[in-house]
Amino acid sequence: MDKGTGLVPGDVEVAIKDLTANPNRAEAALVLASIANRAAAALHHLARAEANSRKGAPDWGRWASLTNASRDAILRTATCRQTANQIFQASKVEPTPAPNSTPAES
């Protein structure tokens, strides 16, 4: 569980911990960035729906603020996901030998 709020399910914590232990760091970064982006998008949809349904209510401003913050999180996590994908794609390409290297003999 999340030590700050106690609201992050244990299986989510375990999945995050497992991903950070993945020896394929590029793959781990891509999966974590993708999860963060999906979570931000889900939060934004929820917050926007609540803000829309609460117009005129005393708590509308807090929901509207959460909508704005989650929209920013979507943009930032999308950039993380895009960059992580570039790292992952580059990691799948065989490294090119240095200009003055000689191939290993069999």
C-alpha atoms as a PDB file:
ATOM      1  CA  MET A   1       0.000   0.000   0.000  1.00  0.00           C
ATOM      2  CA  ASP A   2       0.967   3.606  -0.516  1.00  0.00           C
ATOM      3  CA  LYS A   3       2.563   4.793   2.726  1.00  0.00           C
ATOM      4  CA  GLY A   4       1.212   8.334   2.269  1.00  0.00           C
ATOM      5  CA  THR A   5      -2.468   7.578   1.764  1.00  0.00           C
ATOM      6  CA  GLY A   6      -2.827   3.809   2.010  1.00  0.00           C
ATOM      7  CA  LEU A   7      -4.895   3.834  -1.173  1.00  0.00           C
ATOM      8  CA  VAL A   8      -2.603   2.168  -3.723  1.00  0.00           C
ATOM      9  CA  PRO A   9      -3.575  -1.515  -3.909  1.00  0.00           C
ATOM     10  CA  GLY A  10      -0.874  -3.984  -2.969  1.00  0.00           C
ATOM     11  CA  ASP A  11      -0.973  -5.704  -6.353  1.00  0.00           C
ATOM     12  CA  VAL A  12      -0.276  -2.359  -8.051  1.00  0.00           C
ATOM     13  CA  GLU A  13       2.673  -1.739  -5.720  1.00  0.00           C
ATOM     14  CA  VAL A  14       4.005  -5.231  -6.485  1.00  0.00           C
ATOM     15  CA  ALA A  15       3.616  -4.698 -10.238  1.00  0.00           C
ATOM     16  CA  ILE A  16       5.522  -1.407 -10.052  1.00  0.00           C
ATOM     17  CA  LYS A  17       8.256  -2.985  -7.930  1.00  0.00           C
ATOM     18  CA  ASP A  18       8.526  -5.915 -10.356  1.00  0.00           C
ATOM     19  CA  LEU A  19       8.830  -3.539 -13.292  1.00  0.00           C
ATOM     20  CA  THR A  20      11.582  -1.542 -11.630  1.00  0.00           C
ATOM     21  CA  ALA A  21      13.469  -4.810 -11.104  1.00  0.00           C
ATOM     22  CA  ASN A  22      13.193  -5.759 -14.788  1.00  0.00           C
ATOM     23  CA  PRO A  23      16.734  -6.153 -16.148  1.00  0.00           C
ATOM     24  CA  ASN A  24      15.499  -4.769 -19.485  1.00  0.00           C
ATOM     25  CA  ARG A  25      15.504  -1.174 -18.296  1.00  0.00           C
ATOM     26  CA  ALA A  26      14.206   0.213 -21.597  1.00  0.00           C
ATOM     27  CA  GLU A  27      11.202  -2.112 -21.520  1.00  0.00           C
ATOM     28  CA  ALA A  28      10.549  -1.310 -17.851  1.00  0.00           C
ATOM     29  CA  ALA A  29      10.620   2.427 -18.588  1.00  0.00           C
ATOM     30  CA  LEU A  30       8.169   2.033 -21.469  1.00  0.00           C
ATOM     31  CA  VAL A  31       5.707  -0.051 -19.456  1.00  0.00           C
ATOM     32  CA  LEU A  32       5.865   2.294 -16.451  1.00  0.00           C
ATOM     33  CA  ALA A  33       5.404   5.366 -18.663  1.00  0.00           C
ATOM     34  CA  SER A  34       2.457   3.700 -20.405  1.00  0.00           C
ATOM     35  CA  ILE A  35       0.817   2.851 -17.089  1.00  0.00           C
ATOM     36  CA  ALA A  36       1.335   6.407 -15.833  1.00  0.00           C
ATOM     37  CA  ASN A  37      -0.249   7.802 -18.985  1.00  0.00           C
ATOM     38  CA  ARG A  38      -3.252   5.480 -18.773  1.00  0.00           C
ATOM     39  CA  ALA A  39      -3.752   6.317 -15.091  1.00  0.00           C
ATOM     40  CA  ALA A  40      -3.558  10.060 -15.823  1.00  0.00           C
ATOM     41  CA  ALA A  41      -6.103   9.678 -18.640  1.00  0.00           C
ATOM     42  CA  ALA A  42      -8.483   7.708 -16.412  1.00  0.00           C
ATOM     43  CA  LEU A  43      -8.158  10.321 -13.661  1.00  0.00           C
ATOM     44  CA  HIS A  44      -8.844  13.104 -16.147  1.00  0.00           C
ATOM     45  CA  HIS A  45     -12.008  11.436 -17.474  1.00  0.00           C
ATOM     46  CA  LEU A  46     -13.278  10.866 -13.941  1.00  0.00           C
ATOM     47  CA  ALA A  47     -12.466  14.400 -12.778  1.00  0.00           C
ATOM     48  CA  ARG A  48     -13.973  16.008 -15.868  1.00  0.00           C
ATOM     49  CA  ALA A  49     -17.206  14.038 -15.502  1.00  0.00           C
ATOM     50  CA  GLU A  50     -17.465  14.973 -11.824  1.00  0.00           C
ATOM     51  CA  ALA A  51     -16.677  18.640 -12.485  1.00  0.00           C
ATOM     52  CA  ASN A  52     -19.351  18.742 -15.180  1.00  0.00           C
ATOM     53  CA  SER A  53     -21.938  17.145 -12.900  1.00  0.00           C
ATOM     54  CA  ARG A  54     -21.115  19.456  -9.976  1.00  0.00           C
ATOM     55  CA  LYS A  55     -21.308  22.886 -11.636  1.00  0.00           C
ATOM     56  CA  GLY A  56     -22.662  25.317  -9.101  1.00  0.00           C
ATOM     57  CA  ALA A  57     -21.918  23.006  -6.163  1.00  0.00           C
ATOM     58  CA  PRO A  58     -19.473  24.051  -3.438  1.00  0.00           C
ATOM     59  CA  ASP A  59     -16.907  21.407  -4.444  1.00  0.00           C
ATOM     60  CA  TRP A  60     -17.001  22.154  -8.184  1.00  0.00           C
ATOM     61  CA  GLY A  61     -13.774  24.185  -8.012  1.00  0.00           C
ATOM     62  CA  ARG A  62     -11.785  21.308  -6.527  1.00  0.00           C
ATOM     63  CA  TRP A  63     -13.006  18.945  -9.233  1.00  0.00           C
ATOM     64  CA  ALA A  64     -12.260  21.520 -11.929  1.00  0.00           C
ATOM     65  CA  SER A  65      -8.769  21.957 -10.481  1.00  0.00           C
ATOM     66  CA  LEU A  66      -8.237  18.195 -10.556  1.00  0.00           C
ATOM     67  CA  THR A  67      -9.411  18.170 -14.181  1.00  0.00           C
ATOM     68  CA  ASN A  68      -6.814  20.783 -15.095  1.00  0.00           C
ATOM     69  CA  ALA A  69      -4.001  19.075 -13.188  1.00  0.00           C
ATOM     70  CA  SER A  70      -4.806  15.678 -14.675  1.00  0.00           C
ATOM     71  CA  ARG A  71      -4.864  17.153 -18.194  1.00  0.00           C
ATOM     72  CA  ASP A  72      -1.342  18.446 -17.551  1.00  0.00           C
ATOM     73  CA  ALA A  73      -0.367  14.991 -16.259  1.00  0.00           C
ATOM     74  CA  ILE A  74      -1.641  13.415 -19.484  1.00  0.00           C
ATOM     75  CA  LEU A  75       0.554  15.699 -21.564  1.00  0.00           C
ATOM     76  CA  ARG A  76       3.614  15.092 -19.404  1.00  0.00           C
ATOM     77  CA  THR A  77       3.166  11.329 -19.214  1.00  0.00           C
ATOM     78  CA  ALA A  78       2.568  11.176 -22.964  1.00  0.00           C
ATOM     79  CA  THR A  79       5.977  12.796 -23.416  1.00  0.00           C
ATOM     80  CA  CYS A  80       7.462  10.253 -20.998  1.00  0.00           C
ATOM     81  CA  ARG A  81       5.833   7.416 -22.927  1.00  0.00           C
ATOM     82  CA  GLN A  82       7.054   8.752 -26.269  1.00  0.00           C
ATOM     83  CA  THR A  83      10.617   9.158 -25.004  1.00  0.00           C
ATOM     84  CA  ALA A  84      10.583   5.745 -23.310  1.00  0.00           C
ATOM     85  CA  ASN A  85       9.338   4.212 -26.564  1.00  0.00           C
ATOM     86  CA  GLN A  86      12.223   5.818 -28.447  1.00  0.00           C
ATOM     87  CA  ILE A  87      14.666   4.402 -25.895  1.00  0.00           C
ATOM     88  CA  PHE A  88      13.027   0.968 -26.156  1.00  0.00           C
ATOM     89  CA  GLN A  89      13.061   0.968 -29.968  1.00  0.00           C
ATOM     90  CA  ALA A  90      16.723   2.023 -30.016  1.00  0.00           C
ATOM     91  CA  SER A  91      17.602  -0.739 -27.541  1.00  0.00           C
ATOM     92  CA  LYS A  92      16.246  -3.383 -29.930  1.00  0.00           C
ATOM     93  CA  VAL A  93      18.651  -2.320 -32.702  1.00  0.00           C
ATOM     94  CA  GLU A  94      21.996  -4.066 -32.799  1.00  0.00           C
ATOM     95  CA  PRO A  95      24.728  -1.640 -31.783  1.00  0.00           C
ATOM     96  CA  THR A  96      26.961  -0.647 -34.663  1.00  0.00           C
ATOM     97  CA  PRO A  97      30.639  -1.468 -34.220  1.00  0.00           C
ATOM     98  CA  ALA A  98      33.078   1.348 -33.521  1.00  0.00           C
ATOM     99  CA  PRO A  99      34.743   2.709 -36.695  1.00  0.00           C
ATOM    100  CA  ASN A 100      38.170   1.127 -36.031  1.00  0.00           C
ATOM    101  CA  SER A 101      37.029  -2.149 -34.523  1.00  0.00           C
ATOM    102  CA  THR A 102      37.704  -5.504 -36.103  1.00  0.00           C
ATOM    103  CA  PRO A 103      35.211  -8.340 -36.068  1.00  0.00           C
ATOM    104  CA  ALA A 104      35.897 -11.146 -33.575  1.00  0.00           C
ATOM    105  CA  GLU A 105      37.331 -14.268 -35.135  1.00  0.00           C
ATOM    106  CA  SER A 106      35.384 -17.492 -34.800  1.00  0.00           C
END
